[in-house]
Amino acid sequence: NTSKELTHNTSRMDSALLKEREDFKRRAMAVPVVENKKRKVEDSKKSSTSGGGGGGGGSSKPRGPAFPSKFSAGGSQFKFGVLAKIVRHMKDRHMEGMDHPLSLEEILDETNQLDVSTATRLWLSSEALVSNPKIEVTPEMTYLFKPPYKIMNRKELLKLLKRKDLKGEGGVMYDDIMESLPKAEKIIQNLTTDGKIIQIQRPCDKKRVLYFYDHTTDIEIDGEFVKQWRSISVDGLDTQKIEDYLDKQGIRSMQDQGIRRVAVPKRKKASVNRKKKAPKDNEHLADVLEDYDEKGAKVER
């Protein structure tokens, strides 16, 4: 009996386990497998990047942009970069005292830009260099740096400032001279020390202006007078208080220095009594008109 019961229980357990196993397999089959989908997507990406169009083998090179960007050899940014390098080089040549013109090919050679395209060269020669305010074009189509003032030495700078002074045009900006004259800083410093020019700083923007120092207007004043002049302080005093002080000391101050305008009295127009002439009718028809009485008979005049 005991063995029969064990056999019966074992068969019941086996059938229960088989049922659970089948249920587990059904549940497992119902769950979607994500790993397989990921592998398929990755495989499709690899095949699209590595393979050619019609199943051809071999690795393909990465394709560049369909249109040139502004930083590429044909872009605007690249072309203006070439132009800026040329202008800087021409200015450096001028500052080193080299004033002979160069052709476009020579400029590109000196700036290590011989690899620029034909379109860029055409743009430089026909548009960019011709219209640039810092570049001067000669009749032979060669190029020079164009400074604000054509001066190359100390003597020419003094001549420029003196001409400005005589014409009453004032001074010249320090920055313009620094861009025009080779070794300008040293020359300006020496001329200032020698008393040939004066440097004035503008209060509005702190920029310096150079003026010719005209010594013909210098006046020699006695040192004692200068000492007394500087010993008198008038800070905090207005013009009226200074005049009152001078009056107390018996000193008369200058007054009415402006131009006096004499008021001219207006003349009254004399009234003219004119008799108005009464208009007469039909004076221009005096020889044509005739008079008639009430009966219709003509009346002799």
C-alpha atoms as a PDB file:
ATOM      1  CA  ASN A   1       0.000   0.000   0.000  1.00  0.00           C
ATOM      2  CA  THR A   2       2.746   2.366   0.871  1.00  0.00           C
ATOM      3  CA  SER A   3       4.514   1.799  -2.454  1.00  0.00           C
ATOM      4  CA  LYS A   4       1.318   2.391  -4.417  1.00  0.00           C
ATOM      5  CA  GLU A   5       0.721   5.658  -2.634  1.00  0.00           C
ATOM      6  CA  LEU A   6       4.265   6.841  -3.390  1.00  0.00           C
ATOM      7  CA  THR A   7       3.884   5.956  -7.056  1.00  0.00           C
ATOM      8  CA  HIS A   8       0.558   7.762  -7.255  1.00  0.00           C
ATOM      9  CA  ASN A   9       1.962  10.881  -5.559  1.00  0.00           C
ATOM     10  CA  THR A  10       5.014  10.895  -7.847  1.00  0.00           C
ATOM     11  CA  SER A  11       2.877  10.752 -10.950  1.00  0.00           C
ATOM     12  CA  ARG A  12       0.741  13.614  -9.631  1.00  0.00           C
ATOM     13  CA  MET A  13       3.886  15.700  -8.936  1.00  0.00           C
ATOM     14  CA  ASP A  14       5.294  14.955 -12.387  1.00  0.00           C
ATOM     15  CA  SER A  15       2.128  16.064 -14.083  1.00  0.00           C
ATOM     16  CA  ALA A  16       2.050  19.269 -11.966  1.00  0.00           C
ATOM     17  CA  LEU A  17       5.651  20.059 -12.793  1.00  0.00           C
ATOM     18  CA  LEU A  18       5.042  19.464 -16.485  1.00  0.00           C
ATOM     19  CA  LYS A  19       2.059  21.786 -16.370  1.00  0.00           C
ATOM     20  CA  GLU A  20       4.089  24.529 -14.648  1.00  0.00           C
ATOM     21  CA  ARG A  21       6.860  24.034 -17.201  1.00  0.00           C
ATOM     22  CA  GLU A  22       4.432  24.475 -20.090  1.00  0.00           C
ATOM     23  CA  ASP A  23       2.931  27.581 -18.460  1.00  0.00           C
ATOM     24  CA  PHE A  24       6.413  29.072 -18.006  1.00  0.00           C
ATOM     25  CA  LYS A  25       7.278  28.443 -21.659  1.00  0.00           C
ATOM     26  CA  ARG A  26       4.070  30.119 -22.817  1.00  0.00           C
ATOM     27  CA  ARG A  27       4.772  33.190 -20.677  1.00  0.00           C
ATOM     28  CA  ALA A  28       8.352  33.366 -21.923  1.00  0.00           C
ATOM     29  CA  MET A  29       7.214  33.252 -25.520  1.00  0.00           C
ATOM     30  CA  ALA A  30       4.730  36.056 -24.909  1.00  0.00           C
ATOM     31  CA  VAL A  31       7.436  38.480 -23.609  1.00  0.00           C
ATOM     32  CA  PRO A  32       9.031  40.586 -26.529  1.00  0.00           C
ATOM     33  CA  VAL A  33      12.782  40.185 -26.952  1.00  0.00           C
ATOM     34  CA  VAL A  34      14.450  43.656 -27.133  1.00  0.00           C
ATOM     35  CA  GLU A  35      18.000  42.386 -27.591  1.00  0.00           C
ATOM     36  CA  ASN A  36      17.253  40.888 -30.974  1.00  0.00           C
ATOM     37  CA  LYS A  37      15.744  44.178 -32.218  1.00  0.00           C
ATOM     38  CA  LYS A  38      18.793  46.155 -31.094  1.00  0.00           C
ATOM     39  CA  ARG A  39      21.088  43.788 -32.885  1.00  0.00           C
ATOM     40  CA  LYS A  40      19.074  44.107 -36.078  1.00  0.00           C
ATOM     41  CA  VAL A  41      19.177  47.927 -35.936  1.00  0.00           C
ATOM     42  CA  GLU A  42      22.939  47.946 -35.350  1.00  0.00           C
ATOM     43  CA  ASP A  43      23.474  45.477 -38.175  1.00  0.00           C
ATOM     44  CA  SER A  44      21.417  47.632 -40.546  1.00  0.00           C
ATOM     45  CA  LYS A  45      23.449  50.770 -39.607  1.00  0.00           C
ATOM     46  CA  LYS A  46      26.731  48.957 -40.193  1.00  0.00           C
ATOM     47  CA  SER A  47      25.599  47.679 -43.547  1.00  0.00           C
ATOM     48  CA  SER A  48      24.419  51.154 -44.676  1.00  0.00           C
ATOM     49  CA  THR A  49      27.694  52.910 -43.680  1.00  0.00           C
ATOM     50  CA  SER A  50      30.111  50.239 -44.861  1.00  0.00           C
ATOM     51  CA  GLY A  51      28.455  48.897 -47.999  1.00  0.00           C
ATOM     52  CA  GLY A  52      27.955  50.590 -51.365  1.00  0.00           C
ATOM     53  CA  GLY A  53      24.750  51.081 -53.277  1.00  0.00           C
ATOM     54  CA  GLY A  54      24.013  47.841 -55.109  1.00  0.00           C
ATOM     55  CA  GLY A  55      25.652  45.355 -52.826  1.00  0.00           C
ATOM     56  CA  GLY A  56      29.167  46.297 -53.900  1.00  0.00           C
ATOM     57  CA  GLY A  57      31.897  45.620 -51.390  1.00  0.00           C
ATOM     58  CA  GLY A  58      34.623  47.907 -50.106  1.00  0.00           C
ATOM     59  CA  SER A  59      34.616  50.787 -47.655  1.00  0.00           C
ATOM     60  CA  SER A  60      33.346  54.156 -48.953  1.00  0.00           C
ATOM     61  CA  LYS A  61      34.985  57.509 -48.057  1.00  0.00           C
ATOM     62  CA  PRO A  62      32.952  60.015 -46.007  1.00  0.00           C
ATOM     63  CA  ARG A  63      31.216  62.485 -48.231  1.00  0.00           C
ATOM     64  CA  GLY A  64      31.889  66.205 -47.811  1.00  0.00           C
ATOM     65  CA  PRO A  65      29.260  68.969 -47.809  1.00  0.00           C
ATOM     66  CA  ALA A  66      27.420  69.481 -51.072  1.00  0.00           C
ATOM     67  CA  PHE A  67      28.030  73.282 -50.995  1.00  0.00           C
ATOM     68  CA  PRO A  68      31.194  75.135 -49.864  1.00  0.00           C
ATOM     69  CA  SER A  69      30.957  76.644 -46.402  1.00  0.00           C
ATOM     70  CA  LYS A  70      32.102  80.182 -45.626  1.00  0.00           C
ATOM     71  CA  PHE A  71      35.316  78.765 -44.123  1.00  0.00           C
ATOM     72  CA  SER A  72      36.188  76.662 -47.179  1.00  0.00           C
ATOM     73  CA  ALA A  73      38.510  77.803 -49.982  1.00  0.00           C
ATOM     74  CA  GLY A  74      35.628  79.394 -51.897  1.00  0.00           C
ATOM     75  CA  GLY A  75      33.756  80.880 -48.917  1.00  0.00           C
ATOM     76  CA  SER A  76      33.519  84.569 -48.042  1.00  0.00           C
ATOM     77  CA  GLN A  77      35.233  84.099 -44.682  1.00  0.00           C
ATOM     78  CA  PHE A  78      38.255  82.560 -46.364  1.00  0.00           C
ATOM     79  CA  LYS A  79      38.476  85.325 -48.998  1.00  0.00           C
ATOM     80  CA  PHE A  80      38.327  88.134 -46.447  1.00  0.00           C
ATOM     81  CA  GLY A  81      40.959  86.325 -44.407  1.00  0.00           C
ATOM     82  CA  VAL A  82      43.253  86.409 -47.454  1.00  0.00           C
ATOM     83  CA  LEU A  83      42.529  90.143 -47.903  1.00  0.00           C
ATOM     84  CA  ALA A  84      43.226  90.953 -44.225  1.00  0.00           C
ATOM     85  CA  LYS A  85      46.563  89.144 -44.400  1.00  0.00           C
ATOM     86  CA  ILE A  86      47.522  91.140 -47.509  1.00  0.00           C
ATOM     87  CA  VAL A  87      46.627  94.511 -45.903  1.00  0.00           C
ATOM     88  CA  ARG A  88      48.630  93.686 -42.757  1.00  0.00           C
ATOM     89  CA  HIS A  89      51.635  92.676 -44.847  1.00  0.00           C
ATOM     90  CA  MET A  90      51.507  95.856 -46.953  1.00  0.00           C
ATOM     91  CA  LYS A  91      51.322  97.985 -43.797  1.00  0.00           C
ATOM     92  CA  ASP A  92      54.303  96.162 -42.269  1.00  0.00           C
ATOM     93  CA  ARG A  93      56.297  96.803 -45.461  1.00  0.00           C
ATOM     94  CA  HIS A  94      55.451 100.511 -45.289  1.00  0.00           C
ATOM     95  CA  MET A  95      56.479 100.702 -41.634  1.00  0.00           C
ATOM     96  CA  GLU A  96      59.817  99.122 -42.523  1.00  0.00           C
ATOM     97  CA  GLY A  97      60.442 101.857 -45.102  1.00  0.00           C
ATOM     98  CA  MET A  98      59.748  99.773 -48.229  1.00  0.00           C
ATOM     99  CA  ASP A  99      57.744 102.008 -50.553  1.00  0.00           C
ATOM    100  CA  HIS A 100      58.073 100.165 -53.908  1.00  0.00           C
ATOM    101  CA  PRO A 101      54.822  98.651 -55.251  1.00  0.00           C
ATOM    102  CA  LEU A 102      54.158  94.921 -55.669  1.00  0.00           C
ATOM    103  CA  SER A 103      52.078  92.923 -58.115  1.00  0.00           C
ATOM    104  CA  LEU A 104      49.340  90.605 -56.885  1.00  0.00           C
ATOM    105  CA  GLU A 105      51.500  87.551 -57.571  1.00  0.00           C
ATOM    106  CA  GLU A 106      54.375  89.027 -55.551  1.00  0.00           C
ATOM    107  CA  ILE A 107      52.050  89.853 -52.664  1.00  0.00           C
ATOM    108  CA  LEU A 108      50.638  86.311 -52.601  1.00  0.00           C
ATOM    109  CA  ASP A 109      54.162  84.942 -52.713  1.00  0.00           C
ATOM    110  CA  GLU A 110      55.364  87.085 -49.781  1.00  0.00           C
ATOM    111  CA  THR A 111      52.275  86.169 -47.729  1.00  0.00           C
ATOM    112  CA  ASN A 112      52.549  82.428 -48.558  1.00  0.00           C
ATOM    113  CA  GLN A 113      49.132  82.372 -50.237  1.00  0.00           C
ATOM    114  CA  LEU A 114      49.993  81.164 -53.745  1.00  0.00           C
ATOM    115  CA  ASP A 115      47.509  78.287 -53.358  1.00  0.00           C
ATOM    116  CA  VAL A 116      44.422  80.548 -53.576  1.00  0.00           C
ATOM    117  CA  SER A 117      42.003  79.817 -56.399  1.00  0.00           C
ATOM    118  CA  THR A 118      41.673  81.744 -59.664  1.00  0.00           C
ATOM    119  CA  ALA A 119      38.272  83.064 -58.538  1.00  0.00           C
ATOM    120  CA  THR A 120      39.821  84.511 -55.365  1.00  0.00           C
ATOM    121  CA  ARG A 121      42.625  86.140 -57.361  1.00  0.00           C
ATOM    122  CA  LEU A 122      40.069  87.712 -59.696  1.00  0.00           C
ATOM    123  CA  TRP A 123      38.060  88.985 -56.717  1.00  0.00           C
ATOM    124  CA  LEU A 124      41.187  90.514 -55.177  1.00  0.00           C
ATOM    125  CA  SER A 125      42.369  92.280 -58.344  1.00  0.00           C
ATOM    126  CA  SER A 126      39.000  93.524 -59.608  1.00  0.00           C
ATOM    127  CA  GLU A 127      37.124  94.324 -56.405  1.00  0.00           C
ATOM    128  CA  ALA A 128      38.721  93.838 -52.996  1.00  0.00           C
ATOM    129  CA  LEU A 129      42.095  95.587 -53.403  1.00  0.00           C
ATOM    130  CA  VAL A 130      40.746  98.323 -55.689  1.00  0.00           C
ATOM    131  CA  SER A 131      38.045  99.414 -53.225  1.00  0.00           C
ATOM    132  CA  ASN A 132      40.082  98.976 -50.028  1.00  0.00           C
ATOM    133  CA  PRO A 133      40.867 102.378 -48.395  1.00  0.00           C
ATOM    134  CA  LYS A 134      44.213 101.074 -47.092  1.00  0.00           C
ATOM    135  CA  ILE A 135      45.532 100.014 -50.499  1.00  0.00           C
ATOM    136  CA  GLU A 136      46.706 102.278 -53.340  1.00  0.00           C
ATOM    137  CA  VAL A 137      46.582 100.948 -56.916  1.00  0.00           C
ATOM    138  CA  THR A 138      49.086 102.265 -59.463  1.00  0.00           C
ATOM    139  CA  PRO A 139      48.365 102.599 -63.224  1.00  0.00           C
ATOM    140  CA  GLU A 140      50.514  99.482 -63.779  1.00  0.00           C
ATOM    141  CA  MET A 141      48.100  97.489 -61.527  1.00  0.00           C
ATOM    142  CA  THR A 142      50.623  97.170 -58.725  1.00  0.00           C
ATOM    143  CA  TYR A 143      49.790  97.809 -55.084  1.00  0.00           C
ATOM    144  CA  LEU A 144      51.045  99.954 -52.206  1.00  0.00           C
ATOM    145  CA  PHE A 145      49.908 100.631 -48.654  1.00  0.00           C
ATOM    146  CA  LYS A 146      47.913 103.874 -48.456  1.00  0.00           C
ATOM    147  CA  PRO A 147      48.636 105.708 -45.169  1.00  0.00           C
ATOM    148  CA  PRO A 148      46.602 108.684 -43.906  1.00  0.00           C
ATOM    149  CA  TYR A 149      49.599 110.967 -44.670  1.00  0.00           C
ATOM    150  CA  LYS A 150      52.455 110.375 -47.102  1.00  0.00           C
ATOM    151  CA  ILE A 151      55.396 111.099 -44.821  1.00  0.00           C
ATOM    152  CA  MET A 152      58.529 109.011 -44.447  1.00  0.00           C
ATOM    153  CA  ASN A 153      60.828 110.967 -42.095  1.00  0.00           C
ATOM    154  CA  ARG A 154      61.086 113.620 -39.380  1.00  0.00           C
ATOM    155  CA  LYS A 155      61.461 116.514 -41.842  1.00  0.00           C
ATOM    156  CA  GLU A 156      58.247 115.646 -43.686  1.00  0.00           C
ATOM    157  CA  LEU A 157      56.328 115.381 -40.399  1.00  0.00           C
ATOM    158  CA  LEU A 158      57.446 118.878 -39.337  1.00  0.00           C
ATOM    159  CA  LYS A 159      56.551 120.242 -42.764  1.00  0.00           C
ATOM    160  CA  LEU A 160      53.057 118.716 -42.508  1.00  0.00           C
ATOM    161  CA  LEU A 161      52.408 120.152 -39.025  1.00  0.00           C
ATOM    162  CA  LYS A 162      53.729 123.590 -40.000  1.00  0.00           C
ATOM    163  CA  ARG A 163      51.493 123.689 -43.091  1.00  0.00           C
ATOM    164  CA  LYS A 164      48.480 122.765 -40.948  1.00  0.00           C
ATOM    165  CA  ASP A 165      49.371 125.548 -38.494  1.00  0.00           C
ATOM    166  CA  LEU A 166      49.768 128.214 -41.192  1.00  0.00           C
ATOM    167  CA  LYS A 167      46.434 127.318 -42.772  1.00  0.00           C
ATOM    168  CA  GLY A 168      44.663 127.345 -39.412  1.00  0.00           C
ATOM    169  CA  GLU A 169      43.669 123.685 -39.728  1.00  0.00           C
ATOM    170  CA  GLY A 170      44.846 122.722 -36.243  1.00  0.00           C
ATOM    171  CA  GLY A 171      46.768 119.566 -35.484  1.00  0.00           C
ATOM    172  CA  VAL A 172      47.061 115.961 -36.648  1.00  0.00           C
ATOM    173  CA  MET A 173      45.874 112.854 -34.830  1.00  0.00           C
ATOM    174  CA  TYR A 174      48.662 110.897 -33.146  1.00  0.00           C
ATOM    175  CA  ASP A 175      47.181 107.570 -34.354  1.00  0.00           C
ATOM    176  CA  ASP A 176      47.283 108.739 -37.996  1.00  0.00           C
ATOM    177  CA  ILE A 177      50.981 109.599 -37.697  1.00  0.00           C
ATOM    178  CA  MET A 178      51.680 106.234 -36.061  1.00  0.00           C
ATOM    179  CA  GLU A 179      50.081 104.562 -39.104  1.00  0.00           C
ATOM    180  CA  SER A 180      51.878 106.784 -41.636  1.00  0.00           C
ATOM    181  CA  LEU A 181      55.438 107.335 -40.409  1.00  0.00           C
ATOM    182  CA  PRO A 182      58.020 104.542 -39.961  1.00  0.00           C
ATOM    183  CA  LYS A 183      59.515 104.608 -36.429  1.00  0.00           C
ATOM    184  CA  ALA A 184      56.949 107.265 -35.569  1.00  0.00           C
ATOM    185  CA  GLU A 185      57.021 106.853 -31.797  1.00  0.00           C
ATOM    186  CA  LYS A 186      60.739 107.626 -31.524  1.00  0.00           C
ATOM    187  CA  ILE A 187      60.522 110.588 -33.923  1.00  0.00           C
ATOM    188  CA  ILE A 188      57.545 112.122 -32.089  1.00  0.00           C
ATOM    189  CA  GLN A 189      59.286 111.755 -28.738  1.00  0.00           C
ATOM    190  CA  ASN A 190      62.450 113.463 -30.010  1.00  0.00           C
ATOM    191  CA  LEU A 191      60.509 116.345 -31.586  1.00  0.00           C
ATOM    192  CA  THR A 192      58.555 116.870 -28.370  1.00  0.00           C
ATOM    193  CA  THR A 193      61.747 116.920 -26.318  1.00  0.00           C
ATOM    194  CA  ASP A 194      63.349 119.412 -28.726  1.00  0.00           C
ATOM    195  CA  GLY A 195      60.329 121.715 -28.447  1.00  0.00           C
ATOM    196  CA  LYS A 196      59.383 121.379 -32.107  1.00  0.00           C
ATOM    197  CA  ILE A 197      55.887 119.978 -31.573  1.00  0.00           C
ATOM    198  CA  ILE A 198      53.277 119.865 -28.801  1.00  0.00           C
ATOM    199  CA  GLN A 199      51.141 116.893 -27.793  1.00  0.00           C
ATOM    200  CA  ILE A 200      47.653 117.638 -26.464  1.00  0.00           C
ATOM    201  CA  GLN A 201      45.273 114.987 -25.095  1.00  0.00           C
ATOM    202  CA  ARG A 202      41.605 115.516 -25.946  1.00  0.00           C
ATOM    203  CA  PRO A 203      39.356 115.283 -22.878  1.00  0.00           C
ATOM    204  CA  CYS A 204      36.466 113.731 -24.823  1.00  0.00           C
ATOM    205  CA  ASP A 205      38.190 110.493 -25.896  1.00  0.00           C
ATOM    206  CA  LYS A 206      41.743 110.774 -24.427  1.00  0.00           C
ATOM    207  CA  LYS A 207      43.265 110.664 -27.923  1.00  0.00           C
ATOM    208  CA  ARG A 208      46.429 112.666 -28.560  1.00  0.00           C
ATOM    209  CA  VAL A 209      46.743 115.453 -31.138  1.00  0.00           C
ATOM    210  CA  LEU A 210      50.067 116.793 -32.463  1.00  0.00           C
ATOM    211  CA  TYR A 211      50.580 120.523 -33.133  1.00  0.00           C
ATOM    212  CA  PHE A 212      53.444 122.531 -34.573  1.00  0.00           C
ATOM    213  CA  TYR A 213      55.189 124.598 -31.857  1.00  0.00           C
ATOM    214  CA  ASP A 214      55.528 128.094 -33.313  1.00  0.00           C
ATOM    215  CA  HIS A 215      58.186 129.896 -31.219  1.00  0.00           C
ATOM    216  CA  THR A 216      57.723 133.207 -33.054  1.00  0.00           C
ATOM    217  CA  THR A 217      54.839 133.994 -30.683  1.00  0.00           C
ATOM    218  CA  ASP A 218      56.906 133.416 -27.538  1.00  0.00           C
ATOM    219  CA  ILE A 219      56.989 136.378 -25.086  1.00  0.00           C
ATOM    220  CA  GLU A 220      59.688 136.837 -22.464  1.00  0.00           C
ATOM    221  CA  ILE A 221      58.152 137.857 -19.124  1.00  0.00           C
ATOM    222  CA  ASP A 222      60.104 138.997 -16.089  1.00  0.00           C
ATOM    223  CA  GLY A 223      60.463 136.247 -13.514  1.00  0.00           C
ATOM    224  CA  GLU A 224      59.363 138.502 -10.624  1.00  0.00           C
ATOM    225  CA  PHE A 225      56.089 139.246 -12.396  1.00  0.00           C
ATOM    226  CA  VAL A 226      55.469 135.548 -12.986  1.00  0.00           C
ATOM    227  CA  LYS A 227      56.194 134.828  -9.319  1.00  0.00           C
ATOM    228  CA  GLN A 228      53.713 137.429  -8.111  1.00  0.00           C
ATOM    229  CA  TRP A 229      51.113 136.304 -10.626  1.00  0.00           C
ATOM    230  CA  ARG A 230      51.296 132.732  -9.358  1.00  0.00           C
ATOM    231  CA  SER A 231      51.223 133.801  -5.708  1.00  0.00           C
ATOM    232  CA  ILE A 232      47.752 135.338  -6.061  1.00  0.00           C
ATOM    233  CA  SER A 233      44.954 132.822  -5.664  1.00  0.00           C
ATOM    234  CA  VAL A 234      41.549 133.627  -7.104  1.00  0.00           C
ATOM    235  CA  ASP A 235      39.949 130.239  -6.481  1.00  0.00           C
ATOM    236  CA  GLY A 236      36.333 130.599  -5.434  1.00  0.00           C
ATOM    237  CA  LEU A 237      36.109 134.253  -6.484  1.00  0.00           C
ATOM    238  CA  ASP A 238      33.815 135.388  -9.242  1.00  0.00           C
ATOM    239  CA  THR A 239      34.414 138.341 -11.545  1.00  0.00           C
ATOM    240  CA  GLN A 240      32.340 140.783  -9.455  1.00  0.00           C
ATOM    241  CA  LYS A 241      34.294 140.076  -6.250  1.00  0.00           C
ATOM    242  CA  ILE A 242      37.582 140.581  -8.065  1.00  0.00           C
ATOM    243  CA  GLU A 243      36.389 143.920  -9.443  1.00  0.00           C
ATOM    244  CA  ASP A 244      35.257 145.050  -5.968  1.00  0.00           C
ATOM    245  CA  TYR A 245      38.666 144.174  -4.516  1.00  0.00           C
ATOM    246  CA  LEU A 246      40.471 146.127  -7.251  1.00  0.00           C
ATOM    247  CA  ASP A 247      38.230 149.145  -6.678  1.00  0.00           C
ATOM    248  CA  LYS A 248      39.103 149.127  -2.950  1.00  0.00           C
ATOM    249  CA  GLN A 249      42.795 149.115  -3.839  1.00  0.00           C
ATOM    250  CA  GLY A 250      42.314 152.070  -6.175  1.00  0.00           C
ATOM    251  CA  ILE A 251      42.727 150.025  -9.331  1.00  0.00           C
ATOM    252  CA  ARG A 252      40.209 150.350 -12.070  1.00  0.00           C
ATOM    253  CA  SER A 253      39.421 147.236 -14.041  1.00  0.00           C
ATOM    254  CA  MET A 254      38.863 147.225 -17.778  1.00  0.00           C
ATOM    255  CA  GLN A 255      35.229 147.218 -18.700  1.00  0.00           C
ATOM    256  CA  ASP A 256      33.010 147.238 -21.737  1.00  0.00           C
ATOM    257  CA  GLN A 257      35.579 145.585 -23.962  1.00  0.00           C
ATOM    258  CA  GLY A 258      32.932 144.384 -26.340  1.00  0.00           C
ATOM    259  CA  ILE A 259      32.019 146.233 -29.528  1.00  0.00           C
ATOM    260  CA  ARG A 260      29.416 148.853 -28.831  1.00  0.00           C
ATOM    261  CA  ARG A 261      26.469 149.017 -31.119  1.00  0.00           C
ATOM    262  CA  VAL A 262      25.090 152.476 -31.638  1.00  0.00           C
ATOM    263  CA  ALA A 263      21.345 152.473 -31.946  1.00  0.00           C
ATOM    264  CA  VAL A 264      20.369 154.515 -34.974  1.00  0.00           C
ATOM    265  CA  PRO A 265      16.974 156.225 -34.504  1.00  0.00           C
ATOM    266  CA  LYS A 266      14.484 155.387 -37.167  1.00  0.00           C
ATOM    267  CA  ARG A 267      13.176 158.247 -39.231  1.00  0.00           C
ATOM    268  CA  LYS A 268       9.477 158.831 -39.289  1.00  0.00           C
ATOM    269  CA  LYS A 269       8.065 159.004 -42.721  1.00  0.00           C
ATOM    270  CA  ALA A 270       6.334 162.299 -43.450  1.00  0.00           C
ATOM    271  CA  SER A 271       2.703 161.869 -44.165  1.00  0.00           C
ATOM    272  CA  VAL A 272       1.760 163.131 -47.620  1.00  0.00           C
ATOM    273  CA  ASN A 273      -1.795 164.356 -48.079  1.00  0.00           C
ATOM    274  CA  ARG A 274      -2.809 163.359 -51.516  1.00  0.00           C
ATOM    275  CA  LYS A 275      -6.210 164.179 -52.836  1.00  0.00           C
ATOM    276  CA  LYS A 276      -7.835 161.224 -54.326  1.00  0.00           C
ATOM    277  CA  LYS A 277      -8.996 161.814 -57.823  1.00  0.00           C
ATOM    278  CA  ALA A 278     -12.568 160.676 -58.380  1.00  0.00           C
ATOM    279  CA  PRO A 279     -12.839 158.359 -61.345  1.00  0.00           C
ATOM    280  CA  LYS A 280     -14.729 159.602 -64.392  1.00  0.00           C
ATOM    281  CA  ASP A 281     -16.840 157.343 -66.446  1.00  0.00           C
ATOM    282  CA  ASN A 282     -16.172 156.724 -70.131  1.00  0.00           C
ATOM    283  CA  GLU A 283     -13.409 159.290 -70.576  1.00  0.00           C
ATOM    284  CA  HIS A 284     -11.951 157.247 -73.372  1.00  0.00           C
ATOM    285  CA  LEU A 285     -15.260 157.539 -75.305  1.00  0.00           C
ATOM    286  CA  ALA A 286     -15.601 161.311 -75.062  1.00  0.00           C
ATOM    287  CA  ASP A 287     -15.457 161.819 -78.854  1.00  0.00           C
ATOM    288  CA  VAL A 288     -17.872 159.021 -79.622  1.00  0.00           C
ATOM    289  CA  LEU A 289     -20.745 159.459 -77.154  1.00  0.00           C
ATOM    290  CA  GLU A 290     -23.662 161.801 -77.933  1.00  0.00           C
ATOM    291  CA  ASP A 291     -26.246 163.423 -75.613  1.00  0.00           C
ATOM    292  CA  TYR A 292     -30.049 163.334 -76.209  1.00  0.00           C
ATOM    293  CA  ASP A 293     -32.879 165.064 -74.346  1.00  0.00           C
ATOM    294  CA  GLU A 294     -36.084 163.520 -73.063  1.00  0.00           C
ATOM    295  CA  LYS A 295     -37.832 163.985 -76.416  1.00  0.00           C
ATOM    296  CA  GLY A 296     -35.075 162.197 -78.231  1.00  0.00           C
ATOM    297  CA  ALA A 297     -33.577 165.274 -79.846  1.00  0.00           C
ATOM    298  CA  LYS A 298     -29.797 165.498 -80.066  1.00  0.00           C
ATOM    299  CA  VAL A 299     -28.210 168.030 -77.745  1.00  0.00           C
ATOM    300  CA  GLU A 300     -25.204 169.942 -78.974  1.00  0.00           C
ATOM    301  CA  ARG A 301     -22.283 170.238 -76.573  1.00  0.00           C
END
